[in-house]
Amino acid sequence: MSLRSGVFRIITLFSATGCARCKVIRSFLEERGLDFQEHDALGEGREAFKVFYQQNRPKVHRGPDGIEFPLYVDGEMIRQGIAAVLGHLVGGRVLEGFFKPGLLHGEWVDGIDVSGGDPASGERISDVLQILKSRGFKVQIETNGVNANLLQALLERKLADRVVMALKGPLRLYASILQREVDQEEIKKSIALTATCEDHLFVTPIAPIAREPGPPAKLSYLTPEEVEEVARLIKEVTGDHTQPYGLCRFDPKSAVDEGLKAFEALPPQALFLYRSKARRHQVRTDIVN
């Protein structure tokens, strides 16, 4: 049980029939002697989950393949996906920001954002990744370049099987894009570290970005010339013009921010110009989903 405001509440675990990730969380809770109720959302707990989902729809992520399980519920607190649930159970609030619902299935676990939280909590992230690795999962971690020392520690401990670095735009615009102070040398360090992982990918979303500090941020689409700057940066830092580099098209319908939803989507053929510009410095540039 858990205590919130002096009232004992039983943890609820919504699982899915045959879900290996749900089994890992179930075992974790049992090994630590935590009381919980489990409902199979596709079986005997179908009605219970239906009620829960109707009441909490905005808080539950539904990806292209449907709802990701397990779902861990403790009062009003909801965590979704194996990495996010383990992150909560291992580190509680100190790991908030590092985990989000993933999209990968099978042996791969994603939704782990090294740049998303306080780097002082790095040891706790290592604990989470070690649990995933010990259960036979392969781990994909993501970074935007922030928290380079944490990325380095995870790579040195061989806790990442794949690294995806999202370079949001040219370094000269990075602080405006992220709406925070940025150490450009740290971003360069993350680029170099990412390239040391045998399985890695650099990616740039062709999305609206801020070119001046906000708020309110003034947004406009990343230009082909700015993508060329990013490709050149990767070459300069890694000394390699054959790095795997992906360009992905921004979908306003998937945006959480209302201002981003107002943007008109770029036509698919527009990305070919971006790719041509980037290939001047990274010959393996391609368009990815």
Protein backbone atom coordinates (compact mmCIF):
# COMPACT_ATOMS: atom_id res chain seq x y z
CA MET A 1 0.00 0.00 0.00
CA SER A 2 1.01 3.63 -0.33
CA LEU A 3 0.19 6.56 1.92
CA ARG A 4 -1.20 9.79 0.48
CA SER A 5 -2.56 12.49 2.85
CA GLY A 6 -2.89 9.93 5.66
CA VAL A 7 -5.07 7.58 3.60
CA PHE A 8 -3.89 4.14 2.53
CA ARG A 9 -4.44 3.36 -1.13
CA ILE A 10 -3.79 0.12 -2.92
CA ILE A 11 -1.67 0.36 -6.04
CA THR A 12 -3.44 -0.71 -9.22
CA LEU A 13 -1.59 -2.35 -12.10
CA PHE A 14 -3.37 -2.56 -15.44
CA SER A 15 -1.70 -5.24 -17.55
CA ALA A 16 -2.48 -6.91 -20.87
CA THR A 17 -2.80 -10.58 -21.75
CA GLY A 18 0.61 -12.03 -22.58
CA CYS A 19 2.47 -8.77 -21.81
CA ALA A 20 6.08 -9.63 -20.87
CA ARG A 21 6.71 -6.08 -19.67
CA CYS A 22 3.74 -6.28 -17.33
CA LYS A 23 5.20 -9.49 -15.89
CA VAL A 24 8.46 -7.68 -15.09
CA ILE A 25 6.60 -4.97 -13.15
CA ARG A 26 4.46 -7.54 -11.37
CA SER A 27 7.58 -9.42 -10.25
CA PHE A 28 9.26 -6.18 -9.17
CA LEU A 29 6.28 -5.26 -6.97
CA GLU A 30 6.06 -8.74 -5.49
CA GLU A 31 9.79 -8.94 -4.74
CA ARG A 32 9.53 -5.70 -2.76
CA GLY A 33 6.45 -6.78 -0.87
CA LEU A 34 4.23 -4.01 -2.24
CA ASP A 35 0.49 -4.61 -2.13
CA PHE A 36 -1.28 -4.08 -5.43
CA GLN A 37 -4.32 -5.09 -7.41
CA GLU A 38 -3.80 -6.24 -10.97
CA HIS A 39 -6.41 -6.11 -13.72
CA ASP A 40 -5.96 -7.61 -17.18
CA ALA A 41 -7.29 -4.79 -19.36
CA LEU A 42 -7.91 -7.23 -22.19
CA GLY A 43 -9.45 -9.92 -20.00
CA GLU A 44 -11.16 -9.99 -16.63
CA GLY A 45 -10.32 -6.33 -15.99
CA ARG A 46 -11.78 -5.04 -19.24
CA GLU A 47 -14.66 -3.17 -17.57
CA ALA A 48 -12.44 -1.79 -14.79
CA PHE A 49 -10.00 -0.45 -17.35
CA LYS A 50 -12.80 0.99 -19.46
CA VAL A 51 -14.00 3.03 -16.48
CA PHE A 52 -10.45 4.08 -15.62
CA TYR A 53 -9.72 5.13 -19.20
CA GLN A 54 -12.92 7.17 -19.50
CA GLN A 55 -12.00 9.05 -16.33
CA ASN A 56 -8.32 9.56 -17.21
CA ARG A 57 -8.22 9.71 -21.02
CA PRO A 58 -6.00 12.87 -21.20
CA LYS A 59 -3.38 11.23 -18.95
CA VAL A 60 -3.12 7.96 -20.89
CA HIS A 61 -0.92 7.87 -23.96
CA ARG A 62 -2.30 6.09 -27.01
CA GLY A 63 0.33 5.54 -29.69
CA PRO A 64 -0.01 4.31 -33.28
CA ASP A 65 -0.29 0.74 -31.99
CA GLY A 66 -2.74 1.51 -29.22
CA ILE A 67 -2.25 1.88 -25.46
CA GLU A 68 1.09 0.81 -24.04
CA PHE A 69 1.01 -1.41 -20.97
CA PRO A 70 1.71 -1.70 -18.09
CA LEU A 71 -0.18 1.16 -16.49
CA TYR A 72 0.65 1.84 -12.85
CA VAL A 73 -1.86 3.81 -10.80
CA ASP A 74 -1.41 5.11 -7.26
CA GLY A 75 -4.19 7.52 -6.39
CA GLU A 76 -4.03 10.31 -8.97
CA MET A 77 -0.49 9.38 -10.04
CA ILE A 78 -0.27 7.43 -13.32
CA ARG A 79 2.86 5.99 -14.93
CA GLN A 80 2.77 4.18 -18.27
CA GLY A 81 5.24 1.81 -19.92
CA ILE A 82 7.87 -0.39 -18.35
CA ALA A 83 10.63 2.26 -18.23
CA ALA A 84 8.41 4.97 -16.72
CA VAL A 85 6.95 2.59 -14.12
CA LEU A 86 10.37 1.29 -13.10
CA GLY A 87 11.67 4.86 -13.00
CA HIS A 88 8.93 5.78 -10.54
CA LEU A 89 9.41 2.68 -8.40
CA VAL A 90 13.20 3.09 -8.26
CA GLY A 91 13.56 6.85 -8.01
CA GLY A 92 10.16 8.43 -7.43
CA ARG A 93 9.89 12.09 -8.33
CA VAL A 94 13.65 12.60 -8.73
CA LEU A 95 13.48 10.75 -12.04
CA GLU A 96 10.50 12.62 -13.44
CA GLY A 97 11.32 14.02 -16.84
CA PHE A 98 13.63 11.19 -17.83
CA PHE A 99 10.87 8.81 -18.92
CA LYS A 100 7.93 8.94 -21.32
CA PRO A 101 5.73 6.29 -22.99
CA GLY A 102 7.69 4.36 -25.60
CA LEU A 103 6.91 3.22 -29.12
CA LEU A 104 9.22 0.23 -29.55
CA HIS A 105 8.09 -3.33 -28.93
CA GLY A 106 9.59 -6.78 -28.52
CA GLU A 107 13.06 -6.81 -27.01
CA TRP A 108 13.57 -3.03 -27.34
CA VAL A 109 12.63 -0.45 -24.71
CA ASP A 110 12.61 3.27 -25.51
CA GLY A 111 11.07 6.38 -23.98
CA ILE A 112 14.25 7.12 -21.97
CA ASP A 113 15.32 10.76 -22.39
CA VAL A 114 18.76 11.41 -20.88
CA SER A 115 18.29 15.17 -21.33
CA GLY A 116 14.89 15.32 -19.66
CA GLY A 117 15.70 15.59 -15.96
CA ASP A 118 18.19 16.45 -13.24
CA PRO A 119 21.59 14.89 -14.03
CA ALA A 120 22.26 14.55 -10.31
CA SER A 121 19.84 11.61 -10.40
CA GLY A 122 22.05 9.73 -12.86
CA GLU A 123 22.78 6.85 -10.50
CA ARG A 124 19.09 6.09 -10.23
CA ILE A 125 18.74 6.01 -14.01
CA SER A 126 21.57 3.49 -14.12
CA ASP A 127 19.62 1.32 -11.70
CA VAL A 128 16.56 1.38 -13.97
CA LEU A 129 18.57 0.52 -17.08
CA GLN A 130 20.39 -2.27 -15.28
CA ILE A 131 17.04 -3.83 -14.34
CA LEU A 132 15.88 -3.65 -17.96
CA LYS A 133 19.11 -5.17 -19.22
CA SER A 134 19.00 -7.94 -16.60
CA ARG A 135 15.52 -8.88 -17.85
CA GLY A 136 16.79 -9.32 -21.40
CA PHE A 137 15.65 -6.03 -22.90
CA LYS A 138 17.70 -3.87 -25.26
CA VAL A 139 17.72 -0.21 -24.31
CA GLN A 140 17.43 2.81 -26.59
CA ILE A 141 18.21 6.15 -24.98
CA GLU A 142 17.54 9.59 -26.43
CA THR A 143 19.31 12.92 -25.97
CA ASN A 144 19.12 16.44 -27.32
CA GLY A 145 22.67 17.11 -26.16
CA VAL A 146 21.96 18.34 -22.64
CA ASN A 147 23.34 16.27 -19.71
CA ALA A 148 26.36 15.04 -21.68
CA ASN A 149 28.13 13.72 -18.58
CA LEU A 150 25.17 11.50 -17.78
CA LEU A 151 25.16 10.19 -21.35
CA GLN A 152 28.86 9.45 -21.00
CA ALA A 153 28.35 7.54 -17.74
CA LEU A 154 25.59 5.37 -19.22
CA LEU A 155 27.70 4.56 -22.28
CA GLU A 156 30.76 3.74 -20.18
CA ARG A 157 28.63 1.30 -18.17
CA LYS A 158 27.32 -0.21 -21.41
CA LEU A 159 23.72 0.45 -20.42
CA ALA A 160 22.60 1.69 -23.84
CA ASP A 161 22.31 -0.52 -26.91
CA ARG A 162 21.28 2.37 -29.14
CA VAL A 163 21.53 6.16 -28.89
CA VAL A 164 19.29 8.54 -30.81
CA MET A 165 20.39 12.17 -30.68
CA ALA A 166 17.80 14.76 -31.70
CA LEU A 167 19.65 17.82 -32.96
CA LYS A 168 16.88 20.41 -32.89
CA GLY A 169 18.69 22.96 -35.06
CA PRO A 170 21.96 24.90 -35.45
CA LEU A 171 24.00 25.53 -32.31
CA ARG A 172 23.52 29.30 -32.65
CA LEU A 173 19.76 28.78 -32.14
CA TYR A 174 19.86 25.98 -29.55
CA ALA A 175 19.20 28.14 -26.49
CA SER A 176 16.18 29.75 -28.15
CA ILE A 177 14.85 26.40 -29.35
CA LEU A 178 15.14 24.75 -25.92
CA GLN A 179 14.13 27.97 -24.11
CA ARG A 180 16.99 27.57 -21.61
CA GLU A 181 20.67 28.32 -21.26
CA VAL A 182 22.80 25.92 -23.30
CA ASP A 183 26.49 25.12 -23.19
CA GLN A 184 27.40 24.63 -26.84
CA GLU A 185 30.47 22.60 -25.90
CA GLU A 186 28.22 20.21 -24.01
CA ILE A 187 26.09 19.70 -27.13
CA LYS A 188 29.25 18.99 -29.13
CA LYS A 189 30.36 16.51 -26.48
CA SER A 190 27.05 14.67 -26.77
CA ILE A 191 27.47 14.50 -30.56
CA ALA A 192 30.89 12.93 -30.13
CA LEU A 193 29.62 10.50 -27.48
CA THR A 194 26.63 9.46 -29.58
CA ALA A 195 28.95 8.56 -32.44
CA THR A 196 30.86 6.15 -30.17
CA CYS A 197 27.80 3.92 -29.74
CA GLU A 198 27.88 1.21 -32.39
CA ASP A 199 24.14 1.58 -33.01
CA HIS A 200 23.27 5.27 -33.18
CA LEU A 201 21.31 7.81 -35.18
CA PHE A 202 21.34 11.58 -35.43
CA VAL A 203 17.95 13.01 -36.28
CA THR A 204 16.49 16.46 -36.87
CA PRO A 205 12.74 17.09 -36.82
CA ILE A 206 11.79 19.54 -39.59
CA ALA A 207 9.64 21.49 -37.19
CA PRO A 208 8.79 25.08 -36.20
CA ILE A 209 11.57 26.48 -34.01
CA ALA A 210 12.18 29.63 -31.98
CA ARG A 211 14.77 32.02 -33.37
CA GLU A 212 14.47 34.55 -30.55
CA PRO A 213 14.22 34.00 -26.80
CA GLY A 214 10.69 33.91 -25.45
CA PRO A 215 8.17 33.83 -24.05
CA PRO A 216 6.30 34.19 -26.19
CA ALA A 217 8.51 32.31 -28.63
CA LYS A 218 8.32 33.38 -32.25
CA LEU A 219 8.19 30.20 -34.27
CA SER A 220 8.87 29.38 -37.90
CA TYR A 221 9.92 26.24 -39.72
CA LEU A 222 13.53 25.12 -39.70
CA THR A 223 15.01 25.98 -43.10
CA PRO A 224 17.00 23.73 -45.49
CA GLU A 225 20.05 25.94 -44.88
CA GLU A 226 19.74 25.46 -41.12
CA VAL A 227 19.57 21.70 -41.57
CA GLU A 228 22.72 21.97 -43.66
CA GLU A 229 24.37 23.74 -40.70
CA VAL A 230 23.42 20.79 -38.46
CA ALA A 231 24.85 18.25 -40.92
CA ARG A 232 28.06 20.27 -41.15
CA LEU A 233 28.28 20.37 -37.35
CA ILE A 234 28.04 16.57 -37.12
CA LYS A 235 30.87 16.28 -39.64
CA GLU A 236 33.05 18.81 -37.82
CA VAL A 237 32.60 17.15 -34.42
CA THR A 238 32.90 13.50 -35.52
CA GLY A 239 35.31 14.01 -38.42
CA ASP A 240 33.03 11.78 -40.47
CA HIS A 241 30.70 12.61 -43.36
CA THR A 242 29.03 9.17 -43.31
CA GLN A 243 27.16 9.40 -40.01
CA PRO A 244 23.58 8.06 -40.02
CA TYR A 245 21.41 11.17 -40.12
CA GLY A 246 17.63 11.19 -40.36
CA LEU A 247 15.21 13.99 -41.14
CA CYS A 248 11.64 13.61 -39.93
CA ARG A 249 8.56 15.60 -40.90
CA PHE A 250 6.67 17.46 -38.21
CA ASP A 251 2.99 16.57 -37.80
CA PRO A 252 1.00 19.46 -36.27
CA LYS A 253 -1.81 17.06 -35.33
CA SER A 254 0.51 15.28 -32.89
CA ALA A 255 1.65 18.49 -31.16
CA VAL A 256 0.72 19.10 -27.55
CA ASP A 257 1.31 22.85 -27.74
CA GLU A 258 -1.69 24.66 -29.20
CA GLY A 259 0.57 27.12 -31.02
CA LEU A 260 2.30 24.28 -32.87
CA LYS A 261 -1.02 22.74 -33.83
CA ALA A 262 -1.79 25.89 -35.79
CA PHE A 263 1.10 25.33 -38.21
CA GLU A 264 0.40 23.90 -41.64
CA ALA A 265 2.29 20.66 -42.24
CA LEU A 266 5.08 20.76 -44.79
CA PRO A 267 4.27 18.71 -47.91
CA PRO A 268 6.25 15.44 -47.98
CA GLN A 269 8.13 16.46 -51.13
CA ALA A 270 9.52 19.52 -49.32
CA LEU A 271 11.86 17.27 -47.34
CA PHE A 272 13.81 16.37 -50.47
CA LEU A 273 15.37 19.84 -50.55
CA TYR A 274 16.34 19.49 -46.88
CA ARG A 275 17.89 16.11 -47.63
CA SER A 276 19.85 17.49 -50.60
CA LYS A 277 21.29 20.29 -48.47
CA ALA A 278 22.24 17.93 -45.64
CA ARG A 279 23.90 15.43 -47.98
CA ARG A 280 26.55 18.00 -48.80
CA HIS A 281 28.01 17.16 -45.39
CA GLN A 282 26.39 13.84 -44.42
CA VAL A 283 26.03 11.56 -47.42
CA ARG A 284 23.86 9.03 -45.56
CA THR A 285 21.14 11.55 -44.78
CA ASP A 286 17.68 10.13 -45.31
CA ILE A 287 14.06 10.87 -44.55
CA VAL A 288 12.70 8.86 -41.60
CA ASN A 289 9.27 8.51 -40.03
